[in-house]
C-alpha cells in the first residue's frame, strides 16, 4: 500500500542530472533545500553502501518536481559555471 502511494506521485518528478558519488552533489543538495524545491536523490542509499556499484545501478539520479525544474536547472547551471568565483 505504501509503495503505491510513492509511485503515484513519482510521475510528477523528472530526471535532470545523474551523479556517480554522493560527494558530487552535496552543495547542490543544500542549495535545493534552501530554495524549498521538491527533489529526490534516487539510489542514494544504495550507492553510499556499495559505492563501486554506482554505474551498475544507473548512478544517483536527481529527480525534481515538474513545477521546480526551471529553478533547479538554473541552480545546477550556476554550480557548473561559477562566474562569481575569483582567485585572490
PDB file of N, CA and C in Angstrom:
ATOM      1  N   UNK A   1       0.822  -1.193   0.000  1.00  0.00           N
ATOM      2  CA  UNK A   1       0.000   0.000   0.000  1.00  0.00           C
ATOM      3  C   UNK A   1       0.873   1.267   0.000  1.00  0.00           C
ATOM      4  N   UNK A   2       1.884   1.289   0.842  1.00  0.00           N
ATOM      5  CA  UNK A   2       2.759   2.457   0.941  1.00  0.00           C
ATOM      6  C   UNK A   2       3.465   2.734  -0.378  1.00  0.00           C
ATOM      7  N   UNK A   3       3.908   1.681  -1.062  1.00  0.00           N
ATOM      8  CA  UNK A   3       4.639   1.866  -2.306  1.00  0.00           C
ATOM      9  C   UNK A   3       3.755   2.425  -3.411  1.00  0.00           C
ATOM     10  N   UNK A   4       2.499   2.048  -3.445  1.00  0.00           N
ATOM     11  CA  UNK A   4       1.611   2.591  -4.468  1.00  0.00           C
ATOM     12  C   UNK A   4       1.427   4.095  -4.267  1.00  0.00           C
ATOM     13  N   UNK A   5       1.445   4.551  -3.020  1.00  0.00           N
ATOM     14  CA  UNK A   5       1.359   5.980  -2.720  1.00  0.00           C
ATOM     15  C   UNK A   5       2.575   6.713  -3.257  1.00  0.00           C
ATOM     16  N   UNK A   6       3.761   6.145  -3.055  1.00  0.00           N
ATOM     17  CA  UNK A   6       5.002   6.766  -3.529  1.00  0.00           C
ATOM     18  C   UNK A   6       5.036   6.811  -5.047  1.00  0.00           C
ATOM     19  N   UNK A   7       4.733   5.712  -5.708  1.00  0.00           N
ATOM     20  CA  UNK A   7       4.801   5.660  -7.166  1.00  0.00           C
ATOM     21  C   UNK A   7       3.748   6.547  -7.824  1.00  0.00           C
ATOM     22  N   UNK A   8       2.628   6.761  -7.153  1.00  0.00           N
ATOM     23  CA  UNK A   8       1.584   7.621  -7.700  1.00  0.00           C
ATOM     24  C   UNK A   8       2.115   9.038  -7.912  1.00  0.00           C
ATOM     25  N   UNK A   9       2.936   9.531  -6.979  1.00  0.00           N
ATOM     26  CA  UNK A   9       3.445  10.885  -7.068  1.00  0.00           C
ATOM     27  C   UNK A   9       4.794  10.992  -7.772  1.00  0.00           C
ATOM     28  N   UNK A  10       5.468   9.885  -7.997  1.00  0.00           N
ATOM     29  CA  UNK A  10       6.755   9.909  -8.695  1.00  0.00           C
ATOM     30  C   UNK A  10       6.594  10.331 -10.156  1.00  0.00           C
ATOM     31  N   UNK A  11       5.421  10.173 -10.717  1.00  0.00           N
ATOM     32  CA  UNK A  11       5.210  10.574 -12.107  1.00  0.00           C
ATOM     33  C   UNK A  11       5.311  12.082 -12.280  1.00  0.00           C
ATOM     34  N   UNK A  12       5.216  12.832 -11.183  1.00  0.00           N
ATOM     35  CA  UNK A  12       5.336  14.286 -11.232  1.00  0.00           C
ATOM     36  C   UNK A  12       6.782  14.757 -11.185  1.00  0.00           C
ATOM     37  N   UNK A  13       7.740  13.836 -11.054  1.00  0.00           N
ATOM     38  CA  UNK A  13       9.153  14.176 -10.952  1.00  0.00           C
ATOM     39  C   UNK A  13       9.871  13.804 -12.244  1.00  0.00           C
ATOM     40  N   UNK A  14      10.865  14.607 -12.601  1.00  0.00           N
ATOM     41  CA  UNK A  14      11.611  14.384 -13.841  1.00  0.00           C
ATOM     42  C   UNK A  14      13.110  14.363 -13.550  1.00  0.00           C
ATOM     43  N   UNK A  15      13.831  13.500 -14.238  1.00  0.00           N
ATOM     44  CA  UNK A  15      15.276  13.380 -14.100  1.00  0.00           C
ATOM     45  C   UNK A  15      15.964  14.582 -14.741  1.00  0.00           C
ATOM     46  N   UNK A  16      16.859  15.253 -13.963  1.00  0.00           N
ATOM     47  CA  UNK A  16      17.599  16.374 -14.563  1.00  0.00           C
ATOM     48  C   UNK A  16      19.109  16.193 -14.474  1.00  0.00           C
ATOM     49  N   UNK A  17      19.587  15.253 -13.644  1.00  0.00           N
ATOM     50  CA  UNK A  17      21.043  15.040 -13.543  1.00  0.00           C
ATOM     51  C   UNK A  17      21.320  13.668 -12.947  1.00  0.00           C
ATOM     52  N   UNK A  18      22.509  13.145 -13.262  1.00  0.00           N
ATOM     53  CA  UNK A  18      22.972  11.869 -12.702  1.00  0.00           C
ATOM     54  C   UNK A  18      24.375  12.076 -12.150  1.00  0.00           C
ATOM     55  N   UNK A  19      24.608  11.569 -10.935  1.00  0.00           N
ATOM     56  CA  UNK A  19      25.899  11.691 -10.275  1.00  0.00           C
ATOM     57  C   UNK A  19      26.429  10.295  -9.953  1.00  0.00           C
ATOM     58  N   UNK A  20      27.755  10.188  -9.837  1.00  0.00           N
ATOM     59  CA  UNK A  20      28.370   8.905  -9.536  1.00  0.00           C
ATOM     60  C   UNK A  20      28.543   8.704  -8.035  1.00  0.00           C
ATOM     61  N   UNK A  21      28.944   9.749  -7.326  1.00  0.00           N
ATOM     62  CA  UNK A  21      29.209   9.641  -5.889  1.00  0.00           C
ATOM     63  C   UNK A  21      28.479  10.734  -5.124  1.00  0.00           C
ATOM     64  N   UNK A  22      28.103  10.484  -3.867  1.00  0.00           N
ATOM     65  CA  UNK A  22      27.400  11.487  -3.062  1.00  0.00           C
ATOM     66  C   UNK A  22      28.176  12.792  -2.894  1.00  0.00           C
ATOM     67  N   UNK A  23      29.478  12.735  -2.896  1.00  0.00           N
ATOM     68  CA  UNK A  23      30.282  13.950  -2.713  1.00  0.00           C
ATOM     69  C   UNK A  23      30.105  14.936  -3.864  1.00  0.00           C
ATOM     70  N   UNK A  24      29.611  14.477  -5.007  1.00  0.00           N
ATOM     71  CA  UNK A  24      29.459  15.331  -6.179  1.00  0.00           C
ATOM     72  C   UNK A  24      28.257  16.281  -6.084  1.00  0.00           C
ATOM     73  N   UNK A  25      27.312  15.977  -5.207  1.00  0.00           N
ATOM     74  CA  UNK A  25      26.106  16.799  -5.171  1.00  0.00           C
ATOM     75  C   UNK A  25      25.785  17.383  -3.796  1.00  0.00           C
ATOM     76  N   UNK A  26      26.707  17.330  -2.868  1.00  0.00           N
ATOM     77  CA  UNK A  26      26.443  17.803  -1.511  1.00  0.00           C
ATOM     78  C   UNK A  26      26.052  19.280  -1.482  1.00  0.00           C
ATOM     79  N   UNK A  27      26.793  20.128  -2.156  1.00  0.00           N
ATOM     80  CA  UNK A  27      26.488  21.559  -2.180  1.00  0.00           C
ATOM     81  C   UNK A  27      25.158  21.787  -2.904  1.00  0.00           C
ATOM     82  N   UNK A  28      24.939  21.087  -3.999  1.00  0.00           N
ATOM     83  CA  UNK A  28      23.698  21.211  -4.748  1.00  0.00           C
ATOM     84  C   UNK A  28      22.498  20.866  -3.874  1.00  0.00           C
ATOM     85  N   UNK A  29      22.623  19.817  -3.085  1.00  0.00           N
ATOM     86  CA  UNK A  29      21.534  19.405  -2.207  1.00  0.00           C
ATOM     87  C   UNK A  29      21.162  20.523  -1.229  1.00  0.00           C
ATOM     88  N   UNK A  30      22.151  21.172  -0.650  1.00  0.00           N
ATOM     89  CA  UNK A  30      21.886  22.275   0.274  1.00  0.00           C
ATOM     90  C   UNK A  30      21.214  23.448  -0.438  1.00  0.00           C
ATOM     91  N   UNK A  31      21.653  23.764  -1.641  1.00  0.00           N
ATOM     92  CA  UNK A  31      21.058  24.869  -2.391  1.00  0.00           C
ATOM     93  C   UNK A  31      19.603  24.573  -2.768  1.00  0.00           C
ATOM     94  N   UNK A  32      19.315  23.338  -3.135  1.00  0.00           N
ATOM     95  CA  UNK A  32      17.944  22.956  -3.463  1.00  0.00           C
ATOM     96  C   UNK A  32      17.046  23.026  -2.227  1.00  0.00           C
ATOM     97  N   UNK A  33      17.587  22.616  -1.083  1.00  0.00           N
ATOM     98  CA  UNK A  33      16.825  22.697   0.164  1.00  0.00           C
ATOM     99  C   UNK A  33      16.563  24.140   0.560  1.00  0.00           C
ATOM    100  N   UNK A  34      17.551  25.011   0.403  1.00  0.00           N
ATOM    101  CA  UNK A  34      17.375  26.428   0.733  1.00  0.00           C
ATOM    102  C   UNK A  34      16.325  27.086  -0.148  1.00  0.00           C
ATOM    103  N   UNK A  35      16.212  26.635  -1.387  1.00  0.00           N
ATOM    104  CA  UNK A  35      15.229  27.191  -2.318  1.00  0.00           C
ATOM    105  C   UNK A  35      13.848  26.556  -2.140  1.00  0.00           C
ATOM    106  N   UNK A  36      13.723  25.622  -1.202  1.00  0.00           N
ATOM    107  CA  UNK A  36      12.457  24.919  -0.926  1.00  0.00           C
ATOM    108  C   UNK A  36      11.899  24.212  -2.153  1.00  0.00           C
ATOM    109  N   UNK A  37      12.791  23.585  -2.926  1.00  0.00           N
ATOM    110  CA  UNK A  37      12.369  22.843  -4.102  1.00  0.00           C
ATOM    111  C   UNK A  37      12.080  21.404  -3.718  1.00  0.00           C
ATOM    112  N   UNK A  38      11.193  20.781  -4.479  1.00  0.00           N
ATOM    113  CA  UNK A  38      10.867  19.365  -4.250  1.00  0.00           C
ATOM    114  C   UNK A  38      11.765  18.510  -5.130  1.00  0.00           C
ATOM    115  N   UNK A  39      12.583  17.674  -4.498  1.00  0.00           N
ATOM    116  CA  UNK A  39      13.538  16.850  -5.239  1.00  0.00           C
ATOM    117  C   UNK A  39      13.793  15.552  -4.489  1.00  0.00           C
ATOM    118  N   UNK A  40      14.334  14.586  -5.214  1.00  0.00           N
ATOM    119  CA  UNK A  40      14.681  13.280  -4.654  1.00  0.00           C
ATOM    120  C   UNK A  40      15.997  12.847  -5.283  1.00  0.00           C
ATOM    121  N   UNK A  41      16.897  12.313  -4.466  1.00  0.00           N
ATOM    122  CA  UNK A  41      18.093  11.662  -4.991  1.00  0.00           C
ATOM    123  C   UNK A  41      17.832  10.162  -4.953  1.00  0.00           C
ATOM    124  N   UNK A  42      17.556   9.596  -6.111  1.00  0.00           N
ATOM    125  CA  UNK A  42      17.243   8.176  -6.222  1.00  0.00           C
ATOM    126  C   UNK A  42      18.536   7.362  -6.246  1.00  0.00           C
ATOM    127  N   UNK A  43      18.561   6.219  -5.599  1.00  0.00           N
ATOM    128  CA  UNK A  43      19.712   5.311  -5.496  1.00  0.00           C
ATOM    129  C   UNK A  43      20.781   5.841  -4.545  1.00  0.00           C
ATOM    130  N   UNK A  44      20.495   6.873  -3.793  1.00  0.00           N
ATOM    131  CA  UNK A  44      21.472   7.489  -2.891  1.00  0.00           C
ATOM    132  C   UNK A  44      21.950   6.504  -1.831  1.00  0.00           C
ATOM    133  N   UNK A  45      21.033   5.783  -1.206  1.00  0.00           N
ATOM    134  CA  UNK A  45      21.404   4.844  -0.151  1.00  0.00           C
ATOM    135  C   UNK A  45      22.188   3.671  -0.719  1.00  0.00           C
ATOM    136  N   UNK A  46      21.751   3.154  -1.850  1.00  0.00           N
ATOM    137  CA  UNK A  46      22.433   2.016  -2.479  1.00  0.00           C
ATOM    138  C   UNK A  46      23.884   2.354  -2.794  1.00  0.00           C
ATOM    139  N   UNK A  47      24.126   3.517  -3.350  1.00  0.00           N
ATOM    140  CA  UNK A  47      25.484   3.905  -3.724  1.00  0.00           C
ATOM    141  C   UNK A  47      26.329   4.217  -2.494  1.00  0.00           C
ATOM    142  N   UNK A  48      25.730   4.742  -1.436  1.00  0.00           N
ATOM    143  CA  UNK A  48      26.515   5.016  -0.233  1.00  0.00           C
ATOM    144  C   UNK A  48      26.940   3.720   0.449  1.00  0.00           C
ATOM    145  N   UNK A  49      26.147   2.665   0.304  1.00  0.00           N
ATOM    146  CA  UNK A  49      26.503   1.361   0.883  1.00  0.00           C
ATOM    147  C   UNK A  49      27.470   0.602  -0.025  1.00  0.00           C
ATOM    148  N   UNK A  50      27.229   0.654  -1.322  1.00  0.00           N
ATOM    149  CA  UNK A  50      28.062  -0.051  -2.302  1.00  0.00           C
ATOM    150  C   UNK A  50      28.553   0.938  -3.359  1.00  0.00           C
ATOM    151  N   UNK A  51      29.540   1.776  -3.028  1.00  0.00           N
ATOM    152  CA  UNK A  51      29.943   2.855  -3.938  1.00  0.00           C
ATOM    153  C   UNK A  51      30.472   2.383  -5.291  1.00  0.00           C
ATOM    154  N   UNK A  52      31.052   1.210  -5.353  1.00  0.00           N
ATOM    155  CA  UNK A  52      31.601   0.748  -6.624  1.00  0.00           C
ATOM    156  C   UNK A  52      30.527   0.189  -7.558  1.00  0.00           C
ATOM    157  N   UNK A  53      29.296   0.133  -7.075  1.00  0.00           N
ATOM    158  CA  UNK A  53      28.186  -0.333  -7.902  1.00  0.00           C
ATOM    159  C   UNK A  53      27.370   0.827  -8.469  1.00  0.00           C
ATOM    160  N   UNK A  54      27.878   2.034  -8.358  1.00  0.00           N
ATOM    161  CA  UNK A  54      27.143   3.221  -8.796  1.00  0.00           C
ATOM    162  C   UNK A  54      26.740   3.132 -10.263  1.00  0.00           C
ATOM    163  N   UNK A  55      27.664   2.794 -11.125  1.00  0.00           N
ATOM    164  CA  UNK A  55      27.347   2.695 -12.556  1.00  0.00           C
ATOM    165  C   UNK A  55      26.388   1.551 -12.846  1.00  0.00           C
ATOM    166  N   UNK A  56      26.482   0.480 -12.075  1.00  0.00           N
ATOM    167  CA  UNK A  56      25.617  -0.672 -12.294  1.00  0.00           C
ATOM    168  C   UNK A  56      24.153  -0.356 -11.987  1.00  0.00           C
ATOM    169  N   UNK A  57      23.906   0.509 -11.013  1.00  0.00           N
ATOM    170  CA  UNK A  57      22.522   0.855 -10.664  1.00  0.00           C
ATOM    171  C   UNK A  57      22.048   2.126 -11.379  1.00  0.00           C
ATOM    172  N   UNK A  58      22.873   2.665 -12.245  1.00  0.00           N
ATOM    173  CA  UNK A  58      22.472   3.845 -13.006  1.00  0.00           C
ATOM    174  C   UNK A  58      22.841   5.160 -12.357  1.00  0.00           C
ATOM    175  N   UNK A  59      23.715   5.126 -11.358  1.00  0.00           N
ATOM    176  CA  UNK A  59      24.151   6.344 -10.690  1.00  0.00           C
ATOM    177  C   UNK A  59      23.109   6.890  -9.734  1.00  0.00           C
ATOM    178  N   UNK A  60      23.416   8.013  -9.140  1.00  0.00           N
ATOM    179  CA  UNK A  60      22.490   8.689  -8.236  1.00  0.00           C
ATOM    180  C   UNK A  60      21.730   9.697  -9.083  1.00  0.00           C
ATOM    181  N   UNK A  61      20.442   9.493  -9.182  1.00  0.00           N
ATOM    182  CA  UNK A  61      19.609  10.267 -10.105  1.00  0.00           C
ATOM    183  C   UNK A  61      18.895  11.387  -9.355  1.00  0.00           C
ATOM    184  N   UNK A  62      19.044  12.613  -9.842  1.00  0.00           N
ATOM    185  CA  UNK A  62      18.350  13.757  -9.261  1.00  0.00           C
ATOM    186  C   UNK A  62      17.023  13.935  -9.978  1.00  0.00           C
ATOM    187  N   UNK A  63      15.954  13.692  -9.247  1.00  0.00           N
ATOM    188  CA  UNK A  63      14.606  13.870  -9.769  1.00  0.00           C
ATOM    189  C   UNK A  63      14.008  15.116  -9.132  1.00  0.00           C
ATOM    190  N   UNK A  64      13.448  15.988  -9.948  1.00  0.00           N
ATOM    191  CA  UNK A  64      12.884  17.255  -9.475  1.00  0.00           C
ATOM    192  C   UNK A  64      11.425  17.333  -9.906  1.00  0.00           C
ATOM    193  N   UNK A  65      10.600  17.892  -9.034  1.00  0.00           N
ATOM    194  CA  UNK A  65       9.179  18.064  -9.358  1.00  0.00           C
ATOM    195  C   UNK A  65       9.038  18.954 -10.600  1.00  0.00           C
ATOM    196  N   UNK A  66       8.060  18.650 -11.424  1.00  0.00           N
ATOM    197  CA  UNK A  66       7.871  19.361 -12.694  1.00  0.00           C
ATOM    198  C   UNK A  66       7.761  20.869 -12.515  1.00  0.00           C
ATOM    199  N   UNK A  67       7.146  21.316 -11.438  1.00  0.00           N
ATOM    200  CA  UNK A  67       6.969  22.754 -11.220  1.00  0.00           C
ATOM    201  C   UNK A  67       8.257  23.449 -10.788  1.00  0.00           C
ATOM    202  N   UNK A  68       9.263  22.680 -10.368  1.00  0.00           N
ATOM    203  CA  UNK A  68      10.513  23.249  -9.865  1.00  0.00           C
ATOM    204  C   UNK A  68      11.697  23.046 -10.793  1.00  0.00           C
ATOM    205  N   UNK A  69      11.465  22.491 -11.975  1.00  0.00           N
ATOM    206  CA  UNK A  69      12.563  22.134 -12.879  1.00  0.00           C
ATOM    207  C   UNK A  69      13.357  23.362 -13.328  1.00  0.00           C
ATOM    208  N   UNK A  70      12.690  24.433 -13.685  1.00  0.00           N
ATOM    209  CA  UNK A  70      13.399  25.619 -14.184  1.00  0.00           C
ATOM    210  C   UNK A  70      14.348  26.180 -13.129  1.00  0.00           C
ATOM    211  N   UNK A  71      13.870  26.303 -11.906  1.00  0.00           N
ATOM    212  CA  UNK A  71      14.713  26.860 -10.847  1.00  0.00           C
ATOM    213  C   UNK A  71      15.850  25.903 -10.472  1.00  0.00           C
ATOM    214  N   UNK A  72      15.566  24.605 -10.433  1.00  0.00           N
ATOM    215  CA  UNK A  72      16.602  23.623 -10.115  1.00  0.00           C
ATOM    216  C   UNK A  72      17.667  23.580 -11.202  1.00  0.00           C
ATOM    217  N   UNK A  73      17.261  23.684 -12.459  1.00  0.00           N
ATOM    218  CA  UNK A  73      18.210  23.698 -13.565  1.00  0.00           C
ATOM    219  C   UNK A  73      19.090  24.936 -13.514  1.00  0.00           C
ATOM    220  N   UNK A  74      18.513  26.065 -13.139  1.00  0.00           N
ATOM    221  CA  UNK A  74      19.294  27.295 -13.003  1.00  0.00           C
ATOM    222  C   UNK A  74      20.335  27.164 -11.896  1.00  0.00           C
ATOM    223  N   UNK A  75      19.951  26.568 -10.770  1.00  0.00           N
ATOM    224  CA  UNK A  75      20.898  26.347  -9.664  1.00  0.00           C
ATOM    225  C   UNK A  75      22.015  25.420 -10.118  1.00  0.00           C
ATOM    226  N   UNK A  76      21.665  24.352 -10.810  1.00  0.00           N
ATOM    227  CA  UNK A  76      22.650  23.388 -11.303  1.00  0.00           C
ATOM    228  C   UNK A  76      23.601  24.041 -12.304  1.00  0.00           C
ATOM    229  N   UNK A  77      23.085  24.860 -13.201  1.00  0.00           N
ATOM    230  CA  UNK A  77      23.929  25.549 -14.187  1.00  0.00           C
ATOM    231  C   UNK A  77      24.861  26.554 -13.516  1.00  0.00           C
ATOM    232  N   UNK A  78      24.389  27.237 -12.496  1.00  0.00           N
ATOM    233  CA  UNK A  78      25.236  28.185 -11.770  1.00  0.00           C
ATOM    234  C   UNK A  78      26.396  27.478 -11.075  1.00  0.00           C
ATOM    235  N   UNK A  79      26.160  26.256 -10.606  1.00  0.00           N
ATOM    236  CA  UNK A  79      27.248  25.487  -9.996  1.00  0.00           C
ATOM    237  C   UNK A  79      28.254  25.017 -11.032  1.00  0.00           C
ATOM    238  N   UNK A  80      27.776  24.709 -12.225  1.00  0.00           N
ATOM    239  CA  UNK A  80      28.669  24.239 -13.285  1.00  0.00           C
ATOM    240  C   UNK A  80      29.484  25.373 -13.904  1.00  0.00           C
ATOM    241  N   UNK A  81      28.974  26.604 -13.856  1.00  0.00           N
ATOM    242  CA  UNK A  81      29.648  27.766 -14.424  1.00  0.00           C
ATOM    243  C   UNK A  81      29.787  28.851 -13.360  1.00  0.00           C
ATOM    244  N   UNK A  82      30.677  28.664 -12.415  1.00  0.00           N
ATOM    245  CA  UNK A  82      30.784  29.629 -11.309  1.00  0.00           C
ATOM    246  C   UNK A  82      31.477  30.926 -11.743  1.00  0.00           C
ATOM    247  N   UNK A  83      30.732  31.858 -12.296  1.00  0.00           N
ATOM    248  CA  UNK A  83      31.304  33.105 -12.786  1.00  0.00           C
ATOM    249  C   UNK A  83      31.671  34.054 -11.647  1.00  0.00           C
ATOM    250  N   UNK A  84      31.131  33.839 -10.457  1.00  0.00           N
ATOM    251  CA  UNK A  84      31.399  34.715  -9.314  1.00  0.00           C
ATOM    252  C   UNK A  84      32.687  34.350  -8.566  1.00  0.00           C
ATOM    253  N   UNK A  85      33.255  33.212  -8.897  1.00  0.00           N
ATOM    254  CA  UNK A  85      34.470  32.792  -8.197  1.00  0.00           C
ATOM    255  C   UNK A  85      35.706  33.424  -8.828  1.00  0.00           C
ATOM    256  N   UNK A  86      36.549  34.007  -7.983  1.00  0.00           N
ATOM    257  CA  UNK A  86      37.780  34.631  -8.464  1.00  0.00           C
ATOM    258  C   UNK A  86      38.937  34.195  -7.589  1.00  0.00           C
ATOM    259  N   UNK A  87      40.103  34.130  -8.170  1.00  0.00           N
ATOM    260  CA  UNK A  87      41.313  33.859  -7.413  1.00  0.00           C
ATOM    261  C   UNK A  87      41.825  35.173  -6.854  1.00  0.00           C
ATOM    262  N   UNK A  88      42.059  35.203  -5.560  1.00  0.00           N
ATOM    263  CA  UNK A  88      42.554  36.441  -4.928  1.00  0.00           C
ATOM    264  C   UNK A  88      43.967  36.282  -4.439  1.00  0.00           C
TER     265      UNK A  88
END
